[in-house]
Amino acid sequence: MILDTTAGIATLVAMTKDEAQAVLEEGGCRISSQQRLPNDTGWQIRLDGGGIVNIYDSGKFNVQGKGREAIDALFGKAAADSGGAAAVTAGKAAKGRNVFVVYGHDKRAREGLENMLRRWQINPLILEQLPSEGQTIIEKLERVQGLADFAVVLATPDDEGHRAGHADEKKFRARQNVVLELGMLLQVVGRRKVAVLLNTDEDMERPSDIQGLLYIPFRDDVAEASIPLAKELNAVGIKINLDHL
C-alpha cells in the first residue's frame, strides 16, 4: 500500500489487487467475483452486497456500488494501521472534490493532469476507469451529473482538419470524442464548471466557439495551467491552497 500523509491524514492512494482482497476478506466481505476490467487496465472485485472495488495496474483504485461508505471505512482502517493516523480518507477525495477528466491521445498530458489533481486532494474521474456495467459511453457521461463537481477537458492536437476544398486552412484539432464529451459536459455539469486546457504548442483550433467557455492555454507541460485552473476550482468552491502550487 502507498499512503499520502502530506496533510497529516493517512490517505490510501495506491494498492495491489492482493492487498485489496486481503483488506476486504479481513473486514468480513464476501467476494462474488474477480475479473479483469473490460479495457484491461486492472481488476474489478465485486462483493455479495453489491459493492465494487476497481484496482488499476497503476496501483490506483476506487470504490463504487452499494455499501461504499463501509468499504471505504475498511480501507481507511488499513491506512490508519499502516500510517498510524487517527483520521483517514480512503481511496477518494472528500465529498465535493470530484473532477471529471476528458482527454484524447496525449497520455503524458492526461497523466500530468491526473497527478496534479491528486496532489490537490481531488479525485479525478477518468472515463476508462469507470466500470461499464453494460452502459454506453453516453450513459457513462450521463452519470457524471451525479458524480462530478467540475470537469476538465484536455484539448490536444490529436487530429487534423479543414473545410472541404480549403486544404490551406488545415489545423490541428482535438479528437471528435473529446468535442462530443465537451458538449455533453456543458449540459450535465454546467458551463461555469467546465475548463478546457488547450495545447497551444501547435497551430491548434479551439474545439468550440461557445461564448464564455473557459480556455486555459499550455504549451510543453500541463502544469503550466496549474495556477489558473486552481483559481477556477476555488471560484466554484473546490478549495486549493495557491501557496502550495
C-alpha atoms as a PDB file:
ATOM      1  CA  MET A   1       0.000   0.000   0.000  1.00  0.00           C
ATOM      2  CA  ILE A   2       1.084   3.573  -0.683  1.00  0.00           C
ATOM      3  CA  LEU A   3      -0.065   6.328   1.647  1.00  0.00           C
ATOM      4  CA  ASP A   4      -0.224  10.093   1.278  1.00  0.00           C
ATOM      5  CA  THR A   5       0.297  11.821   4.630  1.00  0.00           C
ATOM      6  CA  THR A   6       1.096  15.337   3.402  1.00  0.00           C
ATOM      7  CA  ALA A   7      -1.985  16.783   5.087  1.00  0.00           C
ATOM      8  CA  GLY A   8      -1.417  14.893   8.340  1.00  0.00           C
ATOM      9  CA  ILE A   9      -4.050  12.359   7.282  1.00  0.00           C
ATOM     10  CA  ALA A  10      -3.198   8.877   6.096  1.00  0.00           C
ATOM     11  CA  THR A  11      -4.747   8.511   2.660  1.00  0.00           C
ATOM     12  CA  LEU A  12      -4.575   5.298   0.687  1.00  0.00           C
ATOM     13  CA  VAL A  13      -3.604   6.308  -2.843  1.00  0.00           C
ATOM     14  CA  ALA A  14      -2.327   3.015  -4.269  1.00  0.00           C
ATOM     15  CA  MET A  15      -2.622  -0.712  -3.601  1.00  0.00           C
ATOM     16  CA  THR A  16      -2.414  -4.067  -5.358  1.00  0.00           C
ATOM     17  CA  LYS A  17      -5.288  -6.447  -6.055  1.00  0.00           C
ATOM     18  CA  ASP A  18      -3.988  -8.901  -3.470  1.00  0.00           C
ATOM     19  CA  GLU A  19      -3.799  -6.136  -0.853  1.00  0.00           C
ATOM     20  CA  ALA A  20      -7.347  -5.047  -1.631  1.00  0.00           C
ATOM     21  CA  GLN A  21      -8.588  -8.629  -1.431  1.00  0.00           C
ATOM     22  CA  ALA A  22      -6.906  -9.100   1.940  1.00  0.00           C
ATOM     23  CA  VAL A  23      -8.457  -5.919   3.349  1.00  0.00           C
ATOM     24  CA  LEU A  24     -11.921  -6.951   2.151  1.00  0.00           C
ATOM     25  CA  GLU A  25     -11.698 -10.510   3.458  1.00  0.00           C
ATOM     26  CA  GLU A  26     -10.332  -9.403   6.830  1.00  0.00           C
ATOM     27  CA  GLY A  27     -13.267  -6.986   7.039  1.00  0.00           C
ATOM     28  CA  GLY A  28     -15.760  -9.810   6.562  1.00  0.00           C
ATOM     29  CA  CYS A  29     -16.705  -9.013   2.940  1.00  0.00           C
ATOM     30  CA  ARG A  30     -17.682 -11.920   0.698  1.00  0.00           C
ATOM     31  CA  ILE A  31     -16.161 -11.660  -2.782  1.00  0.00           C
ATOM     32  CA  SER A  32     -18.528 -12.825  -5.508  1.00  0.00           C
ATOM     33  CA  SER A  33     -16.209 -12.361  -8.498  1.00  0.00           C
ATOM     34  CA  GLN A  34     -12.835 -11.074  -9.656  1.00  0.00           C
ATOM     35  CA  GLN A  35     -12.145 -10.240 -13.272  1.00  0.00           C
ATOM     36  CA  ARG A  36     -10.051  -8.021 -15.493  1.00  0.00           C
ATOM     37  CA  LEU A  37     -11.627  -4.688 -16.351  1.00  0.00           C
ATOM     38  CA  PRO A  38     -13.078  -4.524 -19.893  1.00  0.00           C
ATOM     39  CA  ASN A  39     -10.288  -2.192 -21.043  1.00  0.00           C
ATOM     40  CA  ASP A  40      -7.641  -4.466 -19.455  1.00  0.00           C
ATOM     41  CA  THR A  41      -6.314  -1.678 -17.216  1.00  0.00           C
ATOM     42  CA  GLY A  42      -6.747  -3.527 -13.940  1.00  0.00           C
ATOM     43  CA  TRP A  43      -9.027  -5.732 -11.847  1.00  0.00           C
ATOM     44  CA  GLN A  44     -12.604  -5.445 -10.655  1.00  0.00           C
ATOM     45  CA  ILE A  45     -13.634  -7.106  -7.407  1.00  0.00           C
ATOM     46  CA  ARG A  46     -17.384  -7.485  -6.876  1.00  0.00           C
ATOM     47  CA  LEU A  47     -18.875  -8.184  -3.451  1.00  0.00           C
ATOM     48  CA  ASP A  48     -22.017 -10.087  -2.490  1.00  0.00           C
ATOM     49  CA  GLY A  49     -23.611  -6.922  -1.127  1.00  0.00           C
ATOM     50  CA  GLY A  50     -23.271  -5.042  -4.409  1.00  0.00           C
ATOM     51  CA  GLY A  51     -20.020  -3.212  -3.676  1.00  0.00           C
ATOM     52  CA  ILE A  52     -17.392  -2.840  -6.382  1.00  0.00           C
ATOM     53  CA  VAL A  53     -13.658  -2.194  -5.980  1.00  0.00           C
ATOM     54  CA  ASN A  54     -11.630  -1.340  -9.084  1.00  0.00           C
ATOM     55  CA  ILE A  55      -7.860  -1.759  -8.739  1.00  0.00           C
ATOM     56  CA  TYR A  56      -5.834  -0.462 -11.673  1.00  0.00           C
ATOM     57  CA  ASP A  57      -2.473  -1.750 -12.791  1.00  0.00           C
ATOM     58  CA  SER A  58      -1.067   1.690 -11.925  1.00  0.00           C
ATOM     59  CA  GLY A  59      -1.913   0.988  -8.257  1.00  0.00           C
ATOM     60  CA  LYS A  60      -4.794   3.444  -8.078  1.00  0.00           C
ATOM     61  CA  PHE A  61      -8.215   2.250  -7.013  1.00  0.00           C
ATOM     62  CA  ASN A  62     -11.770   3.369  -6.375  1.00  0.00           C
ATOM     63  CA  VAL A  63     -14.849   2.069  -4.587  1.00  0.00           C
ATOM     64  CA  GLN A  64     -18.325   2.062  -6.096  1.00  0.00           C
ATOM     65  CA  GLY A  65     -21.722   0.450  -5.749  1.00  0.00           C
ATOM     66  CA  LYS A  66     -23.697  -0.409  -2.625  1.00  0.00           C
ATOM     67  CA  GLY A  67     -22.137  -0.118   0.809  1.00  0.00           C
ATOM     68  CA  ARG A  68     -19.386   2.200  -0.419  1.00  0.00           C
ATOM     69  CA  GLU A  69     -19.034   4.016   2.911  1.00  0.00           C
ATOM     70  CA  ALA A  70     -18.495   0.751   4.795  1.00  0.00           C
ATOM     71  CA  ILE A  71     -15.932  -0.422   2.246  1.00  0.00           C
ATOM     72  CA  ASP A  72     -14.157   2.939   2.389  1.00  0.00           C
ATOM     73  CA  ALA A  73     -14.024   2.545   6.159  1.00  0.00           C
ATOM     74  CA  LEU A  74     -12.217  -0.796   5.767  1.00  0.00           C
ATOM     75  CA  PHE A  75      -9.579   0.769   3.537  1.00  0.00           C
ATOM     76  CA  GLY A  76      -9.426   3.714   5.929  1.00  0.00           C
ATOM     77  CA  LYS A  77      -8.662   1.387   8.815  1.00  0.00           C
ATOM     78  CA  ALA A  78      -5.959  -0.286   6.721  1.00  0.00           C
ATOM     79  CA  ALA A  79      -4.408   3.122   6.073  1.00  0.00           C
ATOM     80  CA  ALA A  80      -4.579   4.041   9.747  1.00  0.00           C
ATOM     81  CA  ASP A  81      -2.983   0.746  10.757  1.00  0.00           C
ATOM     82  CA  SER A  82      -0.204   1.325   8.237  1.00  0.00           C
ATOM     83  CA  GLY A  83       0.302   5.041   8.788  1.00  0.00           C
ATOM     84  CA  GLY A  84      -0.646   5.486  12.430  1.00  0.00           C
ATOM     85  CA  ALA A  85      -3.022   8.366  11.712  1.00  0.00           C
ATOM     86  CA  ALA A  86      -6.177   8.961  13.681  1.00  0.00           C
ATOM     87  CA  ALA A  87      -8.234  10.242  10.780  1.00  0.00           C
ATOM     88  CA  VAL A  88      -8.323   8.588   7.400  1.00  0.00           C
ATOM     89  CA  THR A  89      -9.699   9.273   3.955  1.00  0.00           C
ATOM     90  CA  ALA A  90      -9.722   6.077   1.899  1.00  0.00           C
ATOM     91  CA  GLY A  91      -9.208   5.827  -1.814  1.00  0.00           C
ATOM     92  CA  LYS A  92     -11.038   9.008  -2.799  1.00  0.00           C
ATOM     93  CA  ALA A  93     -11.150  12.717  -2.161  1.00  0.00           C
ATOM     94  CA  ALA A  94     -13.576  14.349   0.224  1.00  0.00           C
ATOM     95  CA  LYS A  95     -17.151  14.887  -0.886  1.00  0.00           C
ATOM     96  CA  GLY A  96     -17.438  17.792  -3.311  1.00  0.00           C
ATOM     97  CA  ARG A  97     -13.957  17.251  -4.824  1.00  0.00           C
ATOM     98  CA  ASN A  98     -14.632  15.042  -7.828  1.00  0.00           C
ATOM     99  CA  VAL A  99     -13.381  16.315 -11.198  1.00  0.00           C
ATOM    100  CA  PHE A 100     -14.204  14.551 -14.458  1.00  0.00           C
ATOM    101  CA  VAL A 101     -11.344  14.454 -16.958  1.00  0.00           C
ATOM    102  CA  VAL A 102     -11.840  14.252 -20.747  1.00  0.00           C
ATOM    103  CA  TYR A 103      -8.763  13.574 -22.872  1.00  0.00           C
ATOM    104  CA  GLY A 104      -7.561  12.474 -26.296  1.00  0.00           C
ATOM    105  CA  HIS A 105      -4.385  10.639 -27.273  1.00  0.00           C
ATOM    106  CA  ASP A 106      -1.881  12.680 -25.263  1.00  0.00           C
ATOM    107  CA  LYS A 107      -1.180  10.239 -22.445  1.00  0.00           C
ATOM    108  CA  ARG A 108       1.549  12.438 -20.941  1.00  0.00           C
ATOM    109  CA  ALA A 109      -0.824  15.397 -20.590  1.00  0.00           C
ATOM    110  CA  ARG A 110      -3.569  13.215 -19.136  1.00  0.00           C
ATOM    111  CA  GLU A 111      -1.270  11.640 -16.547  1.00  0.00           C
ATOM    112  CA  GLY A 112       0.167  15.060 -15.675  1.00  0.00           C
ATOM    113  CA  LEU A 113      -3.322  16.459 -15.082  1.00  0.00           C
ATOM    114  CA  GLU A 114      -4.412  13.418 -13.105  1.00  0.00           C
ATOM    115  CA  ASN A 115      -1.340  13.578 -10.857  1.00  0.00           C
ATOM    116  CA  MET A 116      -1.784  17.315 -10.352  1.00  0.00           C
ATOM    117  CA  LEU A 117      -5.394  16.886  -9.249  1.00  0.00           C
ATOM    118  CA  ARG A 118      -4.453  14.114  -6.829  1.00  0.00           C
ATOM    119  CA  ARG A 119      -1.770  16.331  -5.273  1.00  0.00           C
ATOM    120  CA  TRP A 120      -4.564  18.829  -4.625  1.00  0.00           C
ATOM    121  CA  GLN A 121      -6.582  16.102  -2.851  1.00  0.00           C
ATOM    122  CA  ILE A 122      -9.040  15.998  -5.743  1.00  0.00           C
ATOM    123  CA  ASN A 123     -10.470  12.773  -7.123  1.00  0.00           C
ATOM    124  CA  PRO A 124     -10.107  12.648 -10.941  1.00  0.00           C
ATOM    125  CA  LEU A 125     -12.880  10.674 -12.619  1.00  0.00           C
ATOM    126  CA  ILE A 126     -11.421   9.015 -15.722  1.00  0.00           C
ATOM    127  CA  LEU A 127     -13.942   7.621 -18.208  1.00  0.00           C
ATOM    128  CA  GLU A 128     -11.991   4.444 -18.988  1.00  0.00           C
ATOM    129  CA  GLN A 129     -11.588   3.729 -15.273  1.00  0.00           C
ATOM    130  CA  LEU A 130     -15.326   3.815 -14.551  1.00  0.00           C
ATOM    131  CA  PRO A 131     -16.950   0.363 -14.659  1.00  0.00           C
ATOM    132  CA  SER A 132     -19.051  -0.051 -17.793  1.00  0.00           C
ATOM    133  CA  GLU A 133     -21.876  -2.038 -16.121  1.00  0.00           C
ATOM    134  CA  GLY A 134     -23.298  -2.546 -19.605  1.00  0.00           C
ATOM    135  CA  GLN A 135     -23.503   1.193 -20.240  1.00  0.00           C
ATOM    136  CA  THR A 136     -22.580   3.046 -23.399  1.00  0.00           C
ATOM    137  CA  ILE A 137     -20.133   5.958 -23.275  1.00  0.00           C
ATOM    138  CA  ILE A 138     -23.082   8.381 -23.431  1.00  0.00           C
ATOM    139  CA  GLU A 139     -24.757   6.649 -20.482  1.00  0.00           C
ATOM    140  CA  LYS A 140     -21.491   6.823 -18.537  1.00  0.00           C
ATOM    141  CA  LEU A 141     -21.303  10.551 -19.176  1.00  0.00           C
ATOM    142  CA  GLU A 142     -24.905  10.995 -18.048  1.00  0.00           C
ATOM    143  CA  ARG A 143     -23.871   9.512 -14.697  1.00  0.00           C
ATOM    144  CA  VAL A 144     -21.333  12.296 -14.292  1.00  0.00           C
ATOM    145  CA  GLN A 145     -24.115  14.707 -13.369  1.00  0.00           C
ATOM    146  CA  GLY A 146     -24.453  12.945 -10.046  1.00  0.00           C
ATOM    147  CA  LEU A 147     -20.718  12.391  -9.529  1.00  0.00           C
ATOM    148  CA  ALA A 148     -18.650  15.314 -10.824  1.00  0.00           C
ATOM    149  CA  ASP A 149     -18.291  18.733  -9.212  1.00  0.00           C
ATOM    150  CA  PHE A 150     -16.194  20.093 -12.088  1.00  0.00           C
ATOM    151  CA  ALA A 151     -14.838  18.905 -15.440  1.00  0.00           C
ATOM    152  CA  VAL A 152     -11.532  19.487 -17.202  1.00  0.00           C
ATOM    153  CA  VAL A 153     -11.237  18.829 -20.930  1.00  0.00           C
ATOM    154  CA  LEU A 154      -7.763  18.281 -22.403  1.00  0.00           C
ATOM    155  CA  ALA A 155      -7.785  19.642 -25.963  1.00  0.00           C
ATOM    156  CA  THR A 156      -4.571  18.347 -27.526  1.00  0.00           C
ATOM    157  CA  PRO A 157      -3.518  18.264 -31.224  1.00  0.00           C
ATOM    158  CA  ASP A 158      -4.525  14.680 -31.970  1.00  0.00           C
ATOM    159  CA  ASP A 159      -6.333  15.187 -35.297  1.00  0.00           C
ATOM    160  CA  GLU A 160      -6.041  17.474 -38.322  1.00  0.00           C
ATOM    161  CA  GLY A 161      -8.836  19.075 -40.327  1.00  0.00           C
ATOM    162  CA  HIS A 162     -10.030  21.878 -42.590  1.00  0.00           C
ATOM    163  CA  ARG A 163     -13.070  22.992 -44.575  1.00  0.00           C
ATOM    164  CA  ALA A 164     -13.732  20.916 -47.657  1.00  0.00           C
ATOM    165  CA  GLY A 165     -11.740  22.349 -50.535  1.00  0.00           C
ATOM    166  CA  HIS A 166      -9.579  24.560 -48.267  1.00  0.00           C
ATOM    167  CA  ALA A 167      -6.514  22.464 -47.508  1.00  0.00           C
ATOM    168  CA  ASP A 168      -4.575  25.675 -46.865  1.00  0.00           C
ATOM    169  CA  GLU A 169      -6.670  26.154 -43.696  1.00  0.00           C
ATOM    170  CA  LYS A 170      -5.559  22.847 -42.189  1.00  0.00           C
ATOM    171  CA  LYS A 171      -5.145  22.996 -38.408  1.00  0.00           C
ATOM    172  CA  PHE A 172      -4.702  20.578 -35.553  1.00  0.00           C
ATOM    173  CA  ARG A 173      -7.882  19.620 -33.716  1.00  0.00           C
ATOM    174  CA  ALA A 174      -8.982  17.752 -30.630  1.00  0.00           C
ATOM    175  CA  ARG A 175     -10.402  14.303 -31.304  1.00  0.00           C
ATOM    176  CA  GLN A 176     -14.095  14.093 -32.142  1.00  0.00           C
ATOM    177  CA  ASN A 177     -14.873  12.152 -28.966  1.00  0.00           C
ATOM    178  CA  VAL A 178     -13.316  14.970 -26.926  1.00  0.00           C
ATOM    179  CA  VAL A 179     -15.535  17.560 -28.641  1.00  0.00           C
ATOM    180  CA  LEU A 180     -18.624  15.373 -28.139  1.00  0.00           C
ATOM    181  CA  GLU A 181     -17.882  14.828 -24.460  1.00  0.00           C
ATOM    182  CA  LEU A 182     -17.196  18.544 -24.001  1.00  0.00           C
ATOM    183  CA  GLY A 183     -20.650  19.330 -25.336  1.00  0.00           C
ATOM    184  CA  MET A 184     -22.297  16.790 -23.060  1.00  0.00           C
ATOM    185  CA  LEU A 185     -20.418  18.047 -20.002  1.00  0.00           C
ATOM    186  CA  LEU A 186     -21.558  21.601 -20.683  1.00  0.00           C
ATOM    187  CA  GLN A 187     -25.091  20.246 -20.334  1.00  0.00           C
ATOM    188  CA  VAL A 188     -24.711  17.938 -17.328  1.00  0.00           C
ATOM    189  CA  VAL A 189     -22.128  19.892 -15.273  1.00  0.00           C
ATOM    190  CA  GLY A 190     -22.734  23.451 -16.478  1.00  0.00           C
ATOM    191  CA  ARG A 191     -20.564  25.894 -18.426  1.00  0.00           C
ATOM    192  CA  ARG A 192     -19.268  27.585 -15.279  1.00  0.00           C
ATOM    193  CA  LYS A 193     -17.827  24.278 -14.076  1.00  0.00           C
ATOM    194  CA  VAL A 194     -16.041  23.211 -17.264  1.00  0.00           C
ATOM    195  CA  ALA A 195     -12.477  24.254 -18.120  1.00  0.00           C
ATOM    196  CA  VAL A 196     -10.710  23.433 -21.382  1.00  0.00           C
ATOM    197  CA  LEU A 197      -6.928  23.070 -21.173  1.00  0.00           C
ATOM    198  CA  LEU A 198      -5.833  23.982 -24.698  1.00  0.00           C
ATOM    199  CA  ASN A 199      -2.437  22.883 -26.003  1.00  0.00           C
ATOM    200  CA  THR A 200      -1.084  25.850 -27.983  1.00  0.00           C
ATOM    201  CA  ASP A 201       2.240  24.268 -28.924  1.00  0.00           C
ATOM    202  CA  GLU A 202       0.846  23.591 -32.419  1.00  0.00           C
ATOM    203  CA  ASP A 203      -1.468  25.527 -34.748  1.00  0.00           C
ATOM    204  CA  MET A 204      -4.468  24.358 -32.756  1.00  0.00           C
ATOM    205  CA  GLU A 205      -8.076  25.393 -33.274  1.00  0.00           C
ATOM    206  CA  ARG A 206     -10.491  25.704 -30.414  1.00  0.00           C
ATOM    207  CA  PRO A 207     -12.991  22.853 -30.276  1.00  0.00           C
ATOM    208  CA  SER A 208     -15.905  25.242 -29.674  1.00  0.00           C
ATOM    209  CA  ASP A 209     -16.889  28.869 -30.202  1.00  0.00           C
ATOM    210  CA  ILE A 210     -19.300  28.866 -27.255  1.00  0.00           C
ATOM    211  CA  GLN A 211     -19.275  32.331 -25.730  1.00  0.00           C
ATOM    212  CA  GLY A 212     -17.776  32.480 -22.271  1.00  0.00           C
ATOM    213  CA  LEU A 213     -16.281  28.988 -22.324  1.00  0.00           C
ATOM    214  CA  LEU A 214     -13.116  28.920 -20.231  1.00  0.00           C
ATOM    215  CA  TYR A 215      -9.907  28.105 -22.119  1.00  0.00           C
ATOM    216  CA  ILE A 216      -6.613  27.749 -20.255  1.00  0.00           C
ATOM    217  CA  PRO A 217      -3.568  27.513 -22.559  1.00  0.00           C
ATOM    218  CA  PHE A 218      -0.446  25.442 -22.039  1.00  0.00           C
ATOM    219  CA  ARG A 219       2.457  24.526 -24.343  1.00  0.00           C
ATOM    220  CA  ASP A 220       5.015  21.988 -23.144  1.00  0.00           C
ATOM    221  CA  ASP A 221       3.544  20.767 -19.866  1.00  0.00           C
ATOM    222  CA  VAL A 222       0.016  20.731 -18.457  1.00  0.00           C
ATOM    223  CA  ALA A 223       1.495  22.018 -15.170  1.00  0.00           C
ATOM    224  CA  GLU A 224       1.688  25.434 -16.870  1.00  0.00           C
ATOM    225  CA  ALA A 225      -2.083  25.615 -16.419  1.00  0.00           C
ATOM    226  CA  SER A 226      -1.979  24.847 -12.691  1.00  0.00           C
ATOM    227  CA  ILE A 227      -2.473  28.361 -11.276  1.00  0.00           C
ATOM    228  CA  PRO A 228      -5.386  29.482 -13.494  1.00  0.00           C
ATOM    229  CA  LEU A 229      -7.045  26.071 -13.104  1.00  0.00           C
ATOM    230  CA  ALA A 230      -6.669  26.195  -9.323  1.00  0.00           C
ATOM    231  CA  LYS A 231      -8.228  29.672  -9.297  1.00  0.00           C
ATOM    232  CA  GLU A 232     -11.228  28.406 -11.280  1.00  0.00           C
ATOM    233  CA  LEU A 233     -11.665  25.488  -8.889  1.00  0.00           C
ATOM    234  CA  ASN A 234     -11.518  27.865  -5.936  1.00  0.00           C
ATOM    235  CA  ALA A 235     -14.143  30.049  -7.604  1.00  0.00           C
ATOM    236  CA  VAL A 236     -16.673  27.190  -7.615  1.00  0.00           C
ATOM    237  CA  GLY A 237     -15.927  26.157  -4.030  1.00  0.00           C
ATOM    238  CA  ILE A 238     -13.291  23.446  -4.579  1.00  0.00           C
ATOM    239  CA  LYS A 239     -10.603  24.949  -2.391  1.00  0.00           C
ATOM    240  CA  ILE A 240      -6.963  24.753  -3.456  1.00  0.00           C
ATOM    241  CA  ASN A 241      -4.149  26.365  -1.463  1.00  0.00           C
ATOM    242  CA  LEU A 242      -2.425  28.521  -4.073  1.00  0.00           C
ATOM    243  CA  ASP A 243       0.628  28.877  -1.818  1.00  0.00           C
ATOM    244  CA  HIS A 244       1.355  25.159  -2.270  1.00  0.00           C
ATOM    245  CA  LEU A 245       1.314  25.053  -6.079  1.00  0.00           C
END
